[in-house]
PDB file of N, CA and C in Angstrom:
ATOM      1  N   UNK A   1     -80.651  -9.163  -7.153  1.00  0.00           N
ATOM      2  CA  UNK A   1     -81.942  -8.991  -7.795  1.00  0.00           C
ATOM      3  C   UNK A   1     -82.987  -9.684  -6.916  1.00  0.00           C
ATOM      4  N   UNK A   2     -84.064  -8.987  -6.650  1.00  0.00           N
ATOM      5  CA  UNK A   2     -85.113  -9.553  -5.808  1.00  0.00           C
ATOM      6  C   UNK A   2     -85.905 -10.605  -6.579  1.00  0.00           C
ATOM      7  N   UNK A   3     -86.656 -11.374  -5.850  1.00  0.00           N
ATOM      8  CA  UNK A   3     -87.498 -12.403  -6.465  1.00  0.00           C
ATOM      9  C   UNK A   3     -88.506 -11.755  -7.419  1.00  0.00           C
ATOM     10  N   UNK A   4     -89.040 -10.604  -7.028  1.00  0.00           N
ATOM     11  CA  UNK A   4     -90.000  -9.892  -7.876  1.00  0.00           C
ATOM     12  C   UNK A   4     -89.336  -9.417  -9.164  1.00  0.00           C
ATOM     13  N   UNK A   5     -88.121  -8.903  -9.054  1.00  0.00           N
ATOM     14  CA  UNK A   5     -87.396  -8.451 -10.244  1.00  0.00           C
ATOM     15  C   UNK A   5     -87.080  -9.623 -11.166  1.00  0.00           C
ATOM     16  N   UNK A   6     -86.689 -10.759 -10.595  1.00  0.00           N
ATOM     17  CA  UNK A   6     -86.429 -11.953 -11.416  1.00  0.00           C
ATOM     18  C   UNK A   6     -87.693 -12.379 -12.156  1.00  0.00           C
ATOM     19  N   UNK A   7     -88.833 -12.304 -11.489  1.00  0.00           N
ATOM     20  CA  UNK A   7     -90.106 -12.670 -12.121  1.00  0.00           C
ATOM     21  C   UNK A   7     -90.413 -11.725 -13.285  1.00  0.00           C
ATOM     22  N   UNK A   8     -90.106 -10.444 -13.104  1.00  0.00           N
ATOM     23  CA  UNK A   8     -90.347  -9.473 -14.174  1.00  0.00           C
ATOM     24  C   UNK A   8     -89.433  -9.727 -15.368  1.00  0.00           C
ATOM     25  N   UNK A   9     -88.194 -10.076 -15.099  1.00  0.00           N
ATOM     26  CA  UNK A   9     -87.249 -10.383 -16.183  1.00  0.00           C
ATOM     27  C   UNK A   9     -87.706 -11.632 -16.917  1.00  0.00           C
ATOM     28  N   UNK A  10     -88.111 -12.655 -16.189  1.00  0.00           N
ATOM     29  CA  UNK A  10     -88.616 -13.885 -16.812  1.00  0.00           C
ATOM     30  C   UNK A  10     -89.827 -13.578 -17.680  1.00  0.00           C
ATOM     31  N   UNK A  11     -90.734 -12.750 -17.167  1.00  0.00           N
ATOM     32  CA  UNK A  11     -91.937 -12.384 -17.919  1.00  0.00           C
ATOM     33  C   UNK A  11     -91.554 -11.658 -19.210  1.00  0.00           C
ATOM     34  N   UNK A  12     -90.524 -10.817 -19.150  1.00  0.00           N
ATOM     35  CA  UNK A  12     -90.093 -10.112 -20.352  1.00  0.00           C
ATOM     36  C   UNK A  12     -89.497 -11.084 -21.367  1.00  0.00           C
ATOM     37  N   UNK A  13     -88.662 -12.014 -20.901  1.00  0.00           N
ATOM     38  CA  UNK A  13     -88.120 -13.028 -21.806  1.00  0.00           C
ATOM     39  C   UNK A  13     -89.250 -13.853 -22.429  1.00  0.00           C
ATOM     40  N   UNK A  14     -90.263 -14.183 -21.648  1.00  0.00           N
ATOM     41  CA  UNK A  14     -91.414 -14.921 -22.183  1.00  0.00           C
ATOM     42  C   UNK A  14     -92.098 -14.112 -23.285  1.00  0.00           C
ATOM     43  N   UNK A  15     -92.290 -12.809 -23.040  1.00  0.00           N
ATOM     44  CA  UNK A  15     -92.934 -11.936 -24.030  1.00  0.00           C
ATOM     45  C   UNK A  15     -92.067 -11.799 -25.278  1.00  0.00           C
ATOM     46  N   UNK A  16     -90.759 -11.664 -25.099  1.00  0.00           N
ATOM     47  CA  UNK A  16     -89.840 -11.560 -26.228  1.00  0.00           C
ATOM     48  C   UNK A  16     -89.890 -12.823 -27.084  1.00  0.00           C
ATOM     49  N   UNK A  17     -89.845 -13.961 -26.429  1.00  0.00           N
ATOM     50  CA  UNK A  17     -89.881 -15.233 -27.142  1.00  0.00           C
ATOM     51  C   UNK A  17     -91.188 -15.394 -27.914  1.00  0.00           C
ATOM     52  N   UNK A  18     -92.297 -15.065 -27.277  1.00  0.00           N
ATOM     53  CA  UNK A  18     -93.601 -15.164 -27.941  1.00  0.00           C
ATOM     54  C   UNK A  18     -93.676 -14.216 -29.141  1.00  0.00           C
ATOM     55  N   UNK A  19     -93.122 -13.026 -28.989  1.00  0.00           N
ATOM     56  CA  UNK A  19     -93.147 -12.038 -30.074  1.00  0.00           C
ATOM     57  C   UNK A  19     -92.324 -12.512 -31.273  1.00  0.00           C
ATOM     58  N   UNK A  20     -91.146 -13.037 -31.011  1.00  0.00           N
ATOM     59  CA  UNK A  20     -90.302 -13.528 -32.112  1.00  0.00           C
ATOM     60  C   UNK A  20     -90.940 -14.750 -32.766  1.00  0.00           C
ATOM     61  N   UNK A  21     -91.547 -15.614 -31.984  1.00  0.00           N
ATOM     62  CA  UNK A  21     -92.247 -16.777 -32.547  1.00  0.00           C
ATOM     63  C   UNK A  21     -93.373 -16.312 -33.469  1.00  0.00           C
ATOM     64  N   UNK A  22     -94.123 -15.302 -33.037  1.00  0.00           N
ATOM     65  CA  UNK A  22     -95.208 -14.754 -33.864  1.00  0.00           C
ATOM     66  C   UNK A  22     -94.642 -14.182 -35.167  1.00  0.00           C
ATOM     67  N   UNK A  23     -93.542 -13.444 -35.065  1.00  0.00           N
ATOM     68  CA  UNK A  23     -92.914 -12.875 -36.259  1.00  0.00           C
ATOM     69  C   UNK A  23     -92.422 -13.980 -37.192  1.00  0.00           C
ATOM     70  N   UNK A  24     -91.865 -15.033 -36.622  1.00  0.00           N
ATOM     71  CA  UNK A  24     -91.398 -16.174 -37.424  1.00  0.00           C
ATOM     72  C   UNK A  24     -92.558 -16.794 -38.191  1.00  0.00           C
ATOM     73  N   UNK A  25     -93.660 -17.017 -37.492  1.00  0.00           N
ATOM     74  CA  UNK A  25     -94.817 -17.652 -38.136  1.00  0.00           C
ATOM     75  C   UNK A  25     -95.448 -16.738 -39.182  1.00  0.00           C
ATOM     76  N   UNK A  26     -95.504 -15.429 -38.924  1.00  0.00           N
ATOM     77  CA  UNK A  26     -96.042 -14.485 -39.908  1.00  0.00           C
ATOM     78  C   UNK A  26     -95.225 -14.512 -41.193  1.00  0.00           C
ATOM     79  N   UNK A  27     -93.939 -14.762 -41.061  1.00  0.00           N
ATOM     80  CA  UNK A  27     -93.050 -14.822 -42.218  1.00  0.00           C
ATOM     81  C   UNK A  27     -92.975 -16.227 -42.816  1.00  0.00           C
ATOM     82  N   UNK A  28     -93.728 -17.150 -42.228  1.00  0.00           N
ATOM     83  CA  UNK A  28     -93.759 -18.541 -42.671  1.00  0.00           C
ATOM     84  C   UNK A  28     -92.352 -19.151 -42.681  1.00  0.00           C
ATOM     85  N   UNK A  29     -91.627 -18.901 -41.584  1.00  0.00           N
ATOM     86  CA  UNK A  29     -90.277 -19.410 -41.425  1.00  0.00           C
ATOM     87  C   UNK A  29     -90.316 -20.577 -40.439  1.00  0.00           C
ATOM     88  N   UNK A  30     -89.757 -21.694 -40.838  1.00  0.00           N
ATOM     89  CA  UNK A  30     -89.727 -22.870 -39.964  1.00  0.00           C
ATOM     90  C   UNK A  30     -88.699 -22.667 -38.850  1.00  0.00           C
ATOM     91  N   UNK A  31     -88.796 -23.508 -37.841  1.00  0.00           N
ATOM     92  CA  UNK A  31     -87.794 -23.478 -36.777  1.00  0.00           C
ATOM     93  C   UNK A  31     -86.410 -23.790 -37.340  1.00  0.00           C
ATOM     94  N   UNK A  32     -86.346 -24.694 -38.306  1.00  0.00           N
ATOM     95  CA  UNK A  32     -85.062 -25.045 -38.913  1.00  0.00           C
ATOM     96  C   UNK A  32     -84.462 -23.848 -39.643  1.00  0.00           C
ATOM     97  N   UNK A  33     -85.265 -23.154 -40.432  1.00  0.00           N
ATOM     98  CA  UNK A  33     -84.772 -21.980 -41.163  1.00  0.00           C
ATOM     99  C   UNK A  33     -84.298 -20.917 -40.181  1.00  0.00           C
ATOM    100  N   UNK A  34     -85.044 -20.701 -39.103  1.00  0.00           N
ATOM    101  CA  UNK A  34     -84.630 -19.714 -38.103  1.00  0.00           C
ATOM    102  C   UNK A  34     -83.318 -20.139 -37.450  1.00  0.00           C
ATOM    103  N   UNK A  35     -83.207 -21.421 -37.136  1.00  0.00           N
ATOM    104  CA  UNK A  35     -81.965 -21.931 -36.564  1.00  0.00           C
ATOM    105  C   UNK A  35     -80.801 -21.699 -37.524  1.00  0.00           C
ATOM    106  N   UNK A  36     -81.020 -21.958 -38.809  1.00  0.00           N
ATOM    107  CA  UNK A  36     -79.972 -21.749 -39.808  1.00  0.00           C
ATOM    108  C   UNK A  36     -79.548 -20.284 -39.874  1.00  0.00           C
ATOM    109  N   UNK A  37     -80.493 -19.366 -39.804  1.00  0.00           N
ATOM    110  CA  UNK A  37     -80.180 -17.937 -39.812  1.00  0.00           C
ATOM    111  C   UNK A  37     -79.257 -17.597 -38.641  1.00  0.00           C
ATOM    112  N   UNK A  38     -79.490 -18.263 -37.519  1.00  0.00           N
ATOM    113  CA  UNK A  38     -78.709 -17.993 -36.314  1.00  0.00           C
ATOM    114  C   UNK A  38     -77.455 -18.863 -36.210  1.00  0.00           C
ATOM    115  N   UNK A  39     -77.152 -19.612 -37.277  1.00  0.00           N
ATOM    116  CA  UNK A  39     -75.915 -20.386 -37.321  1.00  0.00           C
ATOM    117  C   UNK A  39     -75.998 -21.765 -36.693  1.00  0.00           C
ATOM    118  N   UNK A  40     -77.195 -22.306 -36.563  1.00  0.00           N
ATOM    119  CA  UNK A  40     -77.374 -23.644 -36.001  1.00  0.00           C
ATOM    120  C   UNK A  40     -77.976 -24.557 -37.073  1.00  0.00           C
ATOM    121  N   UNK A  41     -77.792 -25.859 -36.892  1.00  0.00           N
ATOM    122  CA  UNK A  41     -78.243 -26.822 -37.897  1.00  0.00           C
ATOM    123  C   UNK A  41     -79.409 -27.676 -37.440  1.00  0.00           C
ATOM    124  N   UNK A  42     -80.002 -27.345 -36.297  1.00  0.00           N
ATOM    125  CA  UNK A  42     -81.039 -28.200 -35.736  1.00  0.00           C
ATOM    126  C   UNK A  42     -82.204 -27.373 -35.209  1.00  0.00           C
ATOM    127  N   UNK A  43     -83.399 -27.919 -35.345  1.00  0.00           N
ATOM    128  CA  UNK A  43     -84.583 -27.249 -34.810  1.00  0.00           C
ATOM    129  C   UNK A  43     -84.586 -27.245 -33.284  1.00  0.00           C
ATOM    130  N   UNK A  44     -83.827 -28.142 -32.673  1.00  0.00           N
ATOM    131  CA  UNK A  44     -83.856 -28.240 -31.212  1.00  0.00           C
ATOM    132  C   UNK A  44     -83.405 -26.940 -30.544  1.00  0.00           C
ATOM    133  N   UNK A  45     -82.518 -26.199 -31.181  1.00  0.00           N
ATOM    134  CA  UNK A  45     -82.063 -24.922 -30.636  1.00  0.00           C
ATOM    135  C   UNK A  45     -83.240 -23.963 -30.479  1.00  0.00           C
ATOM    136  N   UNK A  46     -84.027 -23.807 -31.531  1.00  0.00           N
ATOM    137  CA  UNK A  46     -85.178 -22.898 -31.496  1.00  0.00           C
ATOM    138  C   UNK A  46     -86.290 -23.474 -30.629  1.00  0.00           C
ATOM    139  N   UNK A  47     -86.503 -24.774 -30.702  1.00  0.00           N
ATOM    140  CA  UNK A  47     -87.550 -25.402 -29.884  1.00  0.00           C
ATOM    141  C   UNK A  47     -87.303 -25.165 -28.397  1.00  0.00           C
ATOM    142  N   UNK A  48     -86.049 -25.304 -27.969  1.00  0.00           N
ATOM    143  CA  UNK A  48     -85.731 -25.059 -26.546  1.00  0.00           C
ATOM    144  C   UNK A  48     -86.049 -23.621 -26.152  1.00  0.00           C
ATOM    145  N   UNK A  49     -85.726 -22.683 -27.040  1.00  0.00           N
ATOM    146  CA  UNK A  49     -86.023 -21.281 -26.739  1.00  0.00           C
ATOM    147  C   UNK A  49     -87.533 -21.060 -26.704  1.00  0.00           C
ATOM    148  N   UNK A  50     -88.240 -21.533 -27.728  1.00  0.00           N
ATOM    149  CA  UNK A  50     -89.685 -21.289 -27.794  1.00  0.00           C
ATOM    150  C   UNK A  50     -90.445 -21.980 -26.671  1.00  0.00           C
ATOM    151  N   UNK A  51     -89.918 -23.077 -26.171  1.00  0.00           N
ATOM    152  CA  UNK A  51     -90.541 -23.766 -25.035  1.00  0.00           C
ATOM    153  C   UNK A  51     -90.010 -23.257 -23.696  1.00  0.00           C
ATOM    154  N   UNK A  52     -89.009 -22.359 -23.780  1.00  0.00           N
ATOM    155  CA  UNK A  52     -88.388 -21.762 -22.587  1.00  0.00           C
ATOM    156  C   UNK A  52     -87.802 -22.836 -21.683  1.00  0.00           C
ATOM    157  N   UNK A  53     -87.163 -23.840 -22.294  1.00  0.00           N
ATOM    158  CA  UNK A  53     -86.544 -24.931 -21.546  1.00  0.00           C
ATOM    159  C   UNK A  53     -85.148 -24.539 -21.086  1.00  0.00           C
ATOM    160  N   UNK A  54     -84.800 -24.937 -19.882  1.00  0.00           N
ATOM    161  CA  UNK A  54     -83.454 -24.733 -19.341  1.00  0.00           C
ATOM    162  C   UNK A  54     -82.987 -23.284 -19.449  1.00  0.00           C
ATOM    163  N   UNK A  55     -83.920 -22.359 -19.272  1.00  0.00           N
ATOM    164  CA  UNK A  55     -83.616 -20.918 -19.317  1.00  0.00           C
ATOM    165  C   UNK A  55     -83.033 -20.474 -20.660  1.00  0.00           C
ATOM    166  N   UNK A  56     -83.357 -21.189 -21.726  1.00  0.00           N
ATOM    167  CA  UNK A  56     -82.881 -20.828 -23.065  1.00  0.00           C
ATOM    168  C   UNK A  56     -83.552 -19.527 -23.505  1.00  0.00           C
ATOM    169  N   UNK A  57     -82.749 -18.625 -24.054  1.00  0.00           N
ATOM    170  CA  UNK A  57     -83.247 -17.320 -24.490  1.00  0.00           C
ATOM    171  C   UNK A  57     -82.544 -16.887 -25.763  1.00  0.00           C
ATOM    172  N   UNK A  58     -83.187 -15.956 -26.462  1.00  0.00           N
ATOM    173  CA  UNK A  58     -82.486 -15.261 -27.531  1.00  0.00           C
ATOM    174  C   UNK A  58     -81.537 -14.272 -26.863  1.00  0.00           C
ATOM    175  N   UNK A  59     -80.365 -14.069 -27.469  1.00  0.00           N
ATOM    176  CA  UNK A  59     -79.456 -13.057 -26.943  1.00  0.00           C
ATOM    177  C   UNK A  59     -79.395 -11.883 -27.917  1.00  0.00           C
ATOM    178  N   UNK A  60     -78.640 -10.876 -27.566  1.00  0.00           N
ATOM    179  CA  UNK A  60     -78.578  -9.677 -28.394  1.00  0.00           C
ATOM    180  C   UNK A  60     -78.058  -9.983 -29.796  1.00  0.00           C
ATOM    181  N   UNK A  61     -77.072 -10.849 -29.906  1.00  0.00           N
ATOM    182  CA  UNK A  61     -76.551 -11.212 -31.228  1.00  0.00           C
ATOM    183  C   UNK A  61     -77.636 -11.862 -32.088  1.00  0.00           C
ATOM    184  N   UNK A  62     -78.457 -12.715 -31.482  1.00  0.00           N
ATOM    185  CA  UNK A  62     -79.558 -13.335 -32.219  1.00  0.00           C
ATOM    186  C   UNK A  62     -80.505 -12.260 -32.752  1.00  0.00           C
ATOM    187  N   UNK A  63     -80.845 -11.301 -31.896  1.00  0.00           N
ATOM    188  CA  UNK A  63     -81.776 -10.242 -32.307  1.00  0.00           C
ATOM    189  C   UNK A  63     -81.193  -9.410 -33.443  1.00  0.00           C
ATOM    190  N   UNK A  64     -79.911  -9.118 -33.369  1.00  0.00           N
ATOM    191  CA  UNK A  64     -79.255  -8.360 -34.438  1.00  0.00           C
ATOM    192  C   UNK A  64     -79.314  -9.145 -35.747  1.00  0.00           C
ATOM    193  N   UNK A  65     -78.976 -10.430 -35.698  1.00  0.00           N
ATOM    194  CA  UNK A  65     -78.998 -11.251 -36.911  1.00  0.00           C
ATOM    195  C   UNK A  65     -80.397 -11.340 -37.515  1.00  0.00           C
ATOM    196  N   UNK A  66     -81.407 -11.510 -36.670  1.00  0.00           N
ATOM    197  CA  UNK A  66     -82.773 -11.604 -37.179  1.00  0.00           C
ATOM    198  C   UNK A  66     -83.247 -10.276 -37.746  1.00  0.00           C
ATOM    199  N   UNK A  67     -82.949  -9.189 -37.075  1.00  0.00           N
ATOM    200  CA  UNK A  67     -83.346  -7.872 -37.584  1.00  0.00           C
ATOM    201  C   UNK A  67     -82.714  -7.618 -38.954  1.00  0.00           C
ATOM    202  N   UNK A  68     -81.443  -7.966 -39.098  1.00  0.00           N
ATOM    203  CA  UNK A  68     -80.777  -7.790 -40.386  1.00  0.00           C
ATOM    204  C   UNK A  68     -81.395  -8.692 -41.449  1.00  0.00           C
ATOM    205  N   UNK A  69     -81.653  -9.948 -41.111  1.00  0.00           N
ATOM    206  CA  UNK A  69     -82.245 -10.905 -42.054  1.00  0.00           C
ATOM    207  C   UNK A  69     -83.631 -10.447 -42.500  1.00  0.00           C
ATOM    208  N   UNK A  70     -84.412  -9.941 -41.556  1.00  0.00           N
ATOM    209  CA  UNK A  70     -85.794  -9.544 -41.855  1.00  0.00           C
ATOM    210  C   UNK A  70     -85.909  -8.099 -42.327  1.00  0.00           C
ATOM    211  N   UNK A  71     -84.803  -7.371 -42.343  1.00  0.00           N
ATOM    212  CA  UNK A  71     -84.810  -5.993 -42.830  1.00  0.00           C
ATOM    213  C   UNK A  71     -85.637  -5.056 -41.957  1.00  0.00           C
ATOM    214  N   UNK A  72     -85.546  -5.244 -40.655  1.00  0.00           N
ATOM    215  CA  UNK A  72     -86.309  -4.405 -39.734  1.00  0.00           C
ATOM    216  C   UNK A  72     -85.369  -3.799 -38.698  1.00  0.00           C
ATOM    217  N   UNK A  73     -85.862  -2.787 -38.013  1.00  0.00           N
ATOM    218  CA  UNK A  73     -85.121  -2.203 -36.900  1.00  0.00           C
ATOM    219  C   UNK A  73     -85.227  -3.152 -35.714  1.00  0.00           C
ATOM    220  N   UNK A  74     -84.152  -3.337 -35.017  1.00  0.00           N
ATOM    221  CA  UNK A  74     -84.137  -4.265 -33.885  1.00  0.00           C
ATOM    222  C   UNK A  74     -85.207  -3.906 -32.849  1.00  0.00           C
ATOM    223  N   UNK A  75     -85.552  -2.632 -32.757  1.00  0.00           N
ATOM    224  CA  UNK A  75     -86.571  -2.210 -31.789  1.00  0.00           C
ATOM    225  C   UNK A  75     -87.923  -2.871 -32.056  1.00  0.00           C
ATOM    226  N   UNK A  76     -88.188  -3.228 -33.314  1.00  0.00           N
ATOM    227  CA  UNK A  76     -89.453  -3.887 -33.651  1.00  0.00           C
ATOM    228  C   UNK A  76     -89.536  -5.293 -33.054  1.00  0.00           C
ATOM    229  N   UNK A  77     -88.407  -5.817 -32.654  1.00  0.00           N
ATOM    230  CA  UNK A  77     -88.376  -7.171 -32.109  1.00  0.00           C
ATOM    231  C   UNK A  77     -88.641  -7.194 -30.604  1.00  0.00           C
ATOM    232  N   UNK A  78     -88.536  -6.034 -29.982  1.00  0.00           N
ATOM    233  CA  UNK A  78     -88.641  -5.958 -28.538  1.00  0.00           C
ATOM    234  C   UNK A  78     -90.049  -5.587 -28.093  1.00  0.00           C
ATOM    235  N   UNK A  79     -90.671  -6.417 -27.256  1.00  0.00           N
ATOM    236  CA  UNK A  79     -91.983  -6.049 -26.728  1.00  0.00           C
ATOM    237  C   UNK A  79     -91.827  -4.880 -25.761  1.00  0.00           C
ATOM    238  N   UNK A  80     -92.863  -4.083 -25.636  1.00  0.00           N
ATOM    239  CA  UNK A  80     -92.826  -2.941 -24.722  1.00  0.00           C
ATOM    240  C   UNK A  80     -92.795  -3.396 -23.271  1.00  0.00           C
ATOM    241  N   UNK A  81     -92.050  -2.672 -22.475  1.00  0.00           N
ATOM    242  CA  UNK A  81     -92.081  -2.902 -21.033  1.00  0.00           C
ATOM    243  C   UNK A  81     -93.356  -2.286 -20.480  1.00  0.00           C
ATOM    244  N   UNK A  82     -93.985  -2.951 -19.562  1.00  0.00           N
ATOM    245  CA  UNK A  82     -95.175  -2.395 -18.934  1.00  0.00           C
ATOM    246  C   UNK A  82     -94.746  -1.292 -17.977  1.00  0.00           C
ATOM    247  N   UNK A  83     -95.355  -0.146 -18.140  1.00  0.00           N
ATOM    248  CA  UNK A  83     -95.036   0.963 -17.249  1.00  0.00           C
ATOM    249  C   UNK A  83     -96.105   1.076 -16.190  1.00  0.00           C
ATOM    250  N   UNK A  84     -95.670   1.365 -14.988  1.00  0.00           N
ATOM    251  CA  UNK A  84     -96.617   1.452 -13.880  1.00  0.00           C
ATOM    252  C   UNK A  84     -96.845   2.882 -13.493  1.00  0.00           C
TER     253      UNK A  84
END
């Protein structure tokens, strides 16, 4: 993967994280509640992802669990890719 491609992937993860954070806040869900939905007992798990520390990201299983919890199609969780 080229440096440019890595930058694009990072940018997409940043957009995904920001989008899920926005959805969490719109639903008035705390970091702890979100962590609990994903099977964790600490806010630090979500905080690391939202701060993008140590390359922490949501994975596909997380997205599936959140989509099911929120009663939405998983596609609603994914930001659009920029087309050139």
